[in-house]
N, C-alpha and C. Protein backbone atom coordinates (compact mmCIF):
# COMPACT_ATOMS: atom_id res chain seq x y z
N MET A 1 0.86 -1.18 0.00
CA MET A 1 0.00 0.00 0.00
C MET A 1 0.89 1.23 0.00
N ALA A 2 0.62 2.17 -0.88
CA ALA A 2 1.37 3.41 -0.93
C ALA A 2 0.86 4.39 0.12
N ILE A 3 1.67 5.39 0.42
CA ILE A 3 1.24 6.45 1.32
C ILE A 3 0.11 7.21 0.67
N GLU A 4 -0.91 7.57 1.43
CA GLU A 4 -2.03 8.34 0.90
C GLU A 4 -1.72 9.82 0.98
N VAL A 5 -1.49 10.46 -0.15
CA VAL A 5 -1.22 11.89 -0.21
C VAL A 5 -2.55 12.61 -0.37
N LEU A 6 -2.87 13.48 0.58
CA LEU A 6 -4.16 14.16 0.58
C LEU A 6 -4.14 15.46 -0.20
N GLY A 7 -2.97 16.01 -0.43
CA GLY A 7 -2.88 17.26 -1.17
C GLY A 7 -1.48 17.80 -1.10
N ILE A 8 -1.21 18.79 -1.92
CA ILE A 8 0.08 19.47 -1.86
C ILE A 8 -0.18 20.85 -1.27
N HIS A 9 0.44 21.10 -0.13
CA HIS A 9 0.26 22.39 0.55
C HIS A 9 1.29 23.40 0.12
N HIS A 10 2.46 22.92 -0.19
CA HIS A 10 3.53 23.82 -0.60
C HIS A 10 4.56 23.05 -1.39
N HIS A 11 5.35 23.76 -2.13
CA HIS A 11 6.40 23.16 -2.94
C HIS A 11 7.74 23.56 -2.34
N ALA A 12 8.64 22.63 -2.25
CA ALA A 12 9.98 22.93 -1.75
C ALA A 12 10.97 22.84 -2.89
N THR A 13 11.88 23.77 -2.93
CA THR A 13 12.90 23.79 -3.94
C THR A 13 14.25 23.77 -3.26
N ARG A 14 15.12 22.89 -3.71
CA ARG A 14 16.46 22.80 -3.12
C ARG A 14 17.24 24.06 -3.46
N ILE A 15 17.89 24.65 -2.45
CA ILE A 15 18.70 25.84 -2.67
C ILE A 15 20.08 25.64 -2.09
N ASP A 16 21.03 26.42 -2.55
CA ASP A 16 22.39 26.40 -2.03
C ASP A 16 22.38 26.96 -0.61
N ALA A 17 23.07 26.33 0.30
CA ALA A 17 23.01 26.72 1.71
C ALA A 17 24.05 27.73 2.13
N SER A 18 24.94 28.18 1.22
CA SER A 18 25.94 29.16 1.63
C SER A 18 25.24 30.48 1.94
N PRO A 19 25.76 31.25 2.91
CA PRO A 19 25.10 32.50 3.29
C PRO A 19 24.88 33.45 2.10
N GLU A 20 25.86 33.53 1.19
CA GLU A 20 25.71 34.42 0.04
C GLU A 20 24.58 33.97 -0.87
N ARG A 21 24.48 32.67 -1.11
CA ARG A 21 23.44 32.14 -1.99
C ARG A 21 22.07 32.24 -1.32
N LEU A 22 22.01 32.03 0.00
CA LEU A 22 20.73 32.18 0.70
C LEU A 22 20.21 33.60 0.52
N ALA A 23 21.08 34.58 0.66
CA ALA A 23 20.68 35.97 0.49
C ALA A 23 20.22 36.22 -0.94
N ALA A 24 20.93 35.66 -1.92
CA ALA A 24 20.56 35.84 -3.33
C ALA A 24 19.20 35.23 -3.61
N VAL A 25 18.92 34.06 -3.05
CA VAL A 25 17.62 33.41 -3.25
C VAL A 25 16.51 34.26 -2.64
N GLN A 26 16.71 34.71 -1.41
CA GLN A 26 15.69 35.54 -0.77
C GLN A 26 15.46 36.82 -1.56
N ASN A 27 16.52 37.46 -2.01
CA ASN A 27 16.38 38.68 -2.80
C ASN A 27 15.63 38.42 -4.10
N PHE A 28 15.90 37.29 -4.76
CA PHE A 28 15.20 36.96 -6.00
C PHE A 28 13.70 36.86 -5.77
N TYR A 29 13.29 36.07 -4.76
CA TYR A 29 11.86 35.89 -4.53
C TYR A 29 11.19 37.18 -4.07
N GLU A 30 11.89 37.97 -3.26
CA GLU A 30 11.29 39.21 -2.77
C GLU A 30 11.37 40.33 -3.80
N ASP A 31 12.56 40.56 -4.36
CA ASP A 31 12.76 41.73 -5.23
C ASP A 31 12.32 41.51 -6.67
N VAL A 32 12.49 40.29 -7.19
CA VAL A 32 12.13 40.02 -8.58
C VAL A 32 10.67 39.58 -8.68
N LEU A 33 10.26 38.63 -7.83
CA LEU A 33 8.91 38.11 -7.92
C LEU A 33 7.92 38.81 -6.98
N GLY A 34 8.42 39.64 -6.08
CA GLY A 34 7.53 40.37 -5.18
C GLY A 34 6.86 39.51 -4.13
N LEU A 35 7.49 38.39 -3.76
CA LEU A 35 6.92 37.47 -2.77
C LEU A 35 7.71 37.57 -1.48
N GLY A 36 7.03 37.73 -0.36
CA GLY A 36 7.71 37.87 0.92
C GLY A 36 7.90 36.55 1.63
N ALA A 37 8.94 36.51 2.45
CA ALA A 37 9.20 35.32 3.27
C ALA A 37 8.31 35.33 4.50
N ASP A 38 7.88 34.16 4.93
CA ASP A 38 7.07 34.01 6.14
C ASP A 38 7.98 34.22 7.34
N PRO A 39 7.76 35.28 8.11
CA PRO A 39 8.63 35.53 9.27
C PRO A 39 8.43 34.51 10.39
N GLY A 40 7.39 33.69 10.30
CA GLY A 40 7.13 32.70 11.33
C GLY A 40 7.82 31.37 11.12
N ARG A 41 8.65 31.25 10.05
CA ARG A 41 9.35 29.98 9.81
C ARG A 41 10.34 29.76 10.94
N PRO A 42 10.23 28.61 11.60
CA PRO A 42 11.19 28.32 12.66
C PRO A 42 12.54 27.91 12.09
N THR A 43 13.56 27.96 12.92
CA THR A 43 14.87 27.45 12.51
C THR A 43 14.78 25.94 12.49
N ILE A 44 15.11 25.34 11.36
CA ILE A 44 15.04 23.88 11.21
C ILE A 44 16.48 23.38 11.06
N PRO A 45 17.01 22.69 12.06
CA PRO A 45 18.40 22.22 11.99
C PRO A 45 18.66 21.40 10.73
N GLY A 46 19.67 21.80 9.97
CA GLY A 46 20.06 21.07 8.77
C GLY A 46 19.22 21.38 7.55
N VAL A 47 18.22 22.27 7.67
CA VAL A 47 17.36 22.62 6.54
C VAL A 47 17.28 24.15 6.45
N PRO A 48 18.32 24.78 5.90
CA PRO A 48 18.28 26.24 5.77
C PRO A 48 17.29 26.64 4.69
N GLY A 49 16.78 27.85 4.78
CA GLY A 49 15.90 28.30 3.72
C GLY A 49 14.84 29.27 4.17
N PHE A 50 13.80 29.37 3.38
CA PHE A 50 12.71 30.32 3.61
C PHE A 50 11.39 29.66 3.25
N TRP A 51 10.34 30.17 3.83
CA TRP A 51 9.00 29.83 3.38
C TRP A 51 8.48 31.08 2.70
N ILE A 52 8.29 31.03 1.40
CA ILE A 52 7.88 32.18 0.61
C ILE A 52 6.37 32.15 0.44
N ASN A 53 5.68 33.17 0.94
CA ASN A 53 4.23 33.23 0.84
C ASN A 53 3.79 33.56 -0.59
N VAL A 54 2.77 32.83 -1.06
CA VAL A 54 2.20 33.07 -2.38
C VAL A 54 0.71 33.33 -2.18
N GLY A 55 0.33 34.58 -2.14
CA GLY A 55 -1.07 34.95 -1.95
C GLY A 55 -1.60 34.44 -0.62
N GLN A 56 -2.91 34.19 -0.61
CA GLN A 56 -3.57 33.73 0.61
C GLN A 56 -3.59 32.21 0.72
N GLY A 57 -3.26 31.52 -0.36
CA GLY A 57 -3.50 30.09 -0.36
C GLY A 57 -2.31 29.18 -0.37
N GLY A 58 -1.10 29.67 -0.38
CA GLY A 58 -0.01 28.72 -0.46
C GLY A 58 1.35 29.29 -0.11
N GLN A 59 2.31 28.42 -0.16
CA GLN A 59 3.70 28.76 0.07
C GLN A 59 4.55 27.94 -0.88
N ILE A 60 5.75 28.39 -1.13
CA ILE A 60 6.73 27.59 -1.84
C ILE A 60 7.66 27.01 -0.78
N HIS A 61 7.75 25.78 -0.51
CA HIS A 61 8.79 25.15 0.29
C HIS A 61 8.78 23.72 -0.05
N LEU A 62 8.10 20.77 -1.73
CA LEU A 62 7.12 19.80 -1.38
C LEU A 62 7.70 19.23 -0.10
N ILE A 63 8.58 19.88 0.50
CA ILE A 63 9.22 19.37 1.66
C ILE A 63 8.05 19.08 2.42
N GLN A 64 1.07 11.96 5.05
CA GLN A 64 1.79 10.94 5.85
C GLN A 64 0.80 9.96 6.43
N ALA A 65 0.92 9.27 5.56
CA ALA A 65 0.12 8.25 6.22
C ALA A 65 0.91 7.71 7.38
N THR A 66 2.22 7.43 7.22
CA THR A 66 3.05 7.22 8.39
C THR A 66 4.45 6.75 8.14
N LYS A 67 5.19 6.89 9.24
CA LYS A 67 6.57 6.41 9.21
C LYS A 67 6.57 4.89 9.06
N ALA A 68 5.55 4.22 9.57
CA ALA A 68 5.49 2.77 9.47
C ALA A 68 5.46 2.31 8.02
N GLU A 69 4.74 3.05 7.17
CA GLU A 69 4.69 2.67 5.76
C GLU A 69 6.03 2.93 5.08
N LEU A 70 6.68 4.03 5.43
CA LEU A 70 8.02 4.28 4.88
C LEU A 70 8.98 3.17 5.30
N GLU A 71 8.87 2.77 6.56
CA GLU A 71 9.71 1.67 7.05
C GLU A 71 9.40 0.38 6.32
N ARG A 72 8.12 0.09 6.11
CA ARG A 72 7.73 -1.13 5.39
C ARG A 72 8.30 -1.15 3.98
N LEU A 73 8.32 0.03 3.35
CA LEU A 73 8.83 0.14 1.99
C LEU A 73 10.36 0.26 1.93
N GLY A 74 10.99 0.36 3.09
CA GLY A 74 12.45 0.48 3.14
C GLY A 74 12.95 1.85 2.72
N VAL A 75 12.13 2.88 2.89
CA VAL A 75 12.51 4.24 2.52
C VAL A 75 13.13 4.92 3.74
N LYS A 76 14.36 5.39 3.56
CA LYS A 76 15.04 6.11 4.65
C LYS A 76 14.37 7.47 4.83
N TYR A 77 14.22 7.89 6.08
CA TYR A 77 13.61 9.18 6.39
C TYR A 77 14.18 9.71 7.69
N TRP A 78 13.91 10.97 7.96
CA TRP A 78 14.19 11.54 9.26
C TRP A 78 13.02 12.43 9.61
N SER A 79 12.82 12.66 10.89
CA SER A 79 11.68 13.48 11.30
C SER A 79 12.06 14.41 12.44
N MET A 80 11.24 15.44 12.58
CA MET A 80 11.38 16.40 13.67
C MET A 80 9.99 16.72 14.19
N THR A 81 9.89 16.89 15.47
CA THR A 81 8.61 17.24 16.09
C THR A 81 8.79 18.53 16.87
N GLY A 82 7.81 19.40 16.81
CA GLY A 82 7.82 20.62 17.61
C GLY A 82 8.46 21.82 16.94
N ILE A 83 8.92 21.69 15.71
CA ILE A 83 9.54 22.82 15.01
C ILE A 83 8.49 23.88 14.67
N ASN A 84 7.34 23.44 14.21
CA ASN A 84 6.29 24.35 13.75
C ASN A 84 5.08 24.33 14.68
N GLY A 85 5.27 23.92 15.91
CA GLY A 85 4.20 23.82 16.89
C GLY A 85 4.40 22.54 17.68
N PRO A 86 3.90 22.49 18.90
CA PRO A 86 4.18 21.35 19.78
C PRO A 86 3.72 19.99 19.24
N ALA A 87 2.65 19.96 18.45
CA ALA A 87 2.13 18.69 17.93
C ALA A 87 2.55 18.41 16.49
N ALA A 88 3.28 19.34 15.89
CA ALA A 88 3.61 19.22 14.47
C ALA A 88 4.83 18.34 14.26
N GLU A 89 4.63 17.25 13.53
CA GLU A 89 5.76 16.40 13.14
C GLU A 89 5.96 16.54 11.64
N GLN A 90 7.21 16.73 11.26
CA GLN A 90 7.58 16.83 9.86
C GLN A 90 8.50 15.66 9.54
N VAL A 91 8.17 14.92 8.48
CA VAL A 91 8.95 13.76 8.05
C VAL A 91 9.59 14.13 6.72
N PHE A 92 10.88 13.89 6.59
CA PHE A 92 11.62 14.23 5.38
C PHE A 92 12.18 12.98 4.74
N VAL A 93 12.03 12.89 3.41
CA VAL A 93 12.60 11.80 2.61
C VAL A 93 13.26 12.44 1.39
N ASN A 94 14.15 11.71 0.76
CA ASN A 94 14.74 12.17 -0.50
C ASN A 94 14.24 11.28 -1.62
N ASP A 95 13.85 11.90 -2.75
CA ASP A 95 13.45 11.10 -3.89
C ASP A 95 14.71 10.58 -4.59
N PRO A 96 14.58 9.72 -5.59
CA PRO A 96 15.76 9.15 -6.25
C PRO A 96 16.69 10.18 -6.88
N SER A 97 16.20 11.40 -7.14
CA SER A 97 17.04 12.45 -7.69
C SER A 97 17.68 13.31 -6.62
N GLY A 98 17.41 12.99 -5.36
CA GLY A 98 17.99 13.75 -4.27
C GLY A 98 17.15 14.92 -3.80
N ASN A 99 15.94 15.09 -4.36
CA ASN A 99 15.06 16.17 -3.91
C ASN A 99 14.45 15.80 -2.57
N MET A 100 14.49 16.73 -1.63
CA MET A 100 13.91 16.48 -0.32
C MET A 100 12.41 16.72 -0.38
N VAL A 101 11.63 15.79 0.17
CA VAL A 101 10.18 15.90 0.23
C VAL A 101 9.79 15.91 1.70
N GLU A 102 8.96 16.87 2.07
CA GLU A 102 8.47 16.98 3.45
C GLU A 102 7.04 16.46 3.50
N LEU A 103 6.75 15.61 4.46
CA LEU A 103 5.41 15.11 4.71
C LEU A 103 5.00 15.62 6.09
N HIS A 104 3.79 16.14 6.19
CA HIS A 104 3.34 16.62 7.50
C HIS A 104 1.84 16.52 7.61
N GLN A 105 1.34 16.71 8.83
CA GLN A 105 -0.08 16.65 9.08
C GLN A 105 -0.77 17.84 8.43
N VAL A 106 -1.93 17.60 7.84
CA VAL A 106 -2.68 18.63 7.13
C VAL A 106 -2.96 19.84 8.02
N ASP A 107 -3.31 19.61 9.27
CA ASP A 107 -3.72 20.71 10.14
C ASP A 107 -2.57 21.32 10.93
N GLN A 108 -1.35 20.99 10.62
CA GLN A 108 -0.20 21.47 11.39
C GLN A 108 0.80 22.23 10.53
N CYS A 109 0.31 23.18 9.71
CA CYS A 109 1.25 23.90 8.85
C CYS A 109 0.87 25.37 8.74
N ARG A 110 1.78 26.13 8.17
CA ARG A 110 1.57 27.55 7.94
C ARG A 110 1.37 27.84 6.45
N CYS A 111 1.02 26.81 5.67
CA CYS A 111 0.93 26.96 4.21
C CYS A 111 -0.14 27.95 3.80
N ALA A 112 -1.34 27.79 4.31
CA ALA A 112 -2.43 28.71 3.99
C ALA A 112 -2.39 29.89 4.95
N ALA A 113 -2.80 31.04 4.49
CA ALA A 113 -2.71 32.26 5.29
C ALA A 113 -3.37 32.13 6.66
N GLU A 114 -4.49 31.42 6.73
CA GLU A 114 -5.18 31.32 8.03
C GLU A 114 -4.38 30.55 9.06
N GLY A 115 -3.40 29.75 8.65
CA GLY A 115 -2.56 29.02 9.59
C GLY A 115 -1.31 29.76 10.01
N ARG A 116 -1.07 30.94 9.44
CA ARG A 116 0.16 31.67 9.72
C ARG A 116 0.10 32.46 11.01
N GLY A 117 -1.06 32.83 11.45
CA GLY A 117 -1.18 33.59 12.69
C GLY A 117 -0.48 34.93 12.61
N ALA A 118 -0.17 35.47 13.75
CA ALA A 118 0.46 36.81 13.79
C ALA A 118 1.95 36.72 13.59
């Protein structure tokens, strides 16, 4: 049985982690595309970057039925809990091309504007 994906809340794009490149990426999305970074993004150890808000309905960052299914399929993953709220668990896997995919609970994200809070 495959993992049941209920929807895509946001898209994640791999970026260069050097401080100069991080600044260039943020400047591109803000200055060229006019999209602001979500100031509520927590620091995620080992995952530098930004959550770029896109209107009221989404963010750019594809970073779960469960870890048990990933384990059954032999897919390596890592997870973190409490980064985006006390009950929020984020599970990360890499696809065969090395792209990081984030799986998380539907009700535990800042993807839609109503979940971003103040």
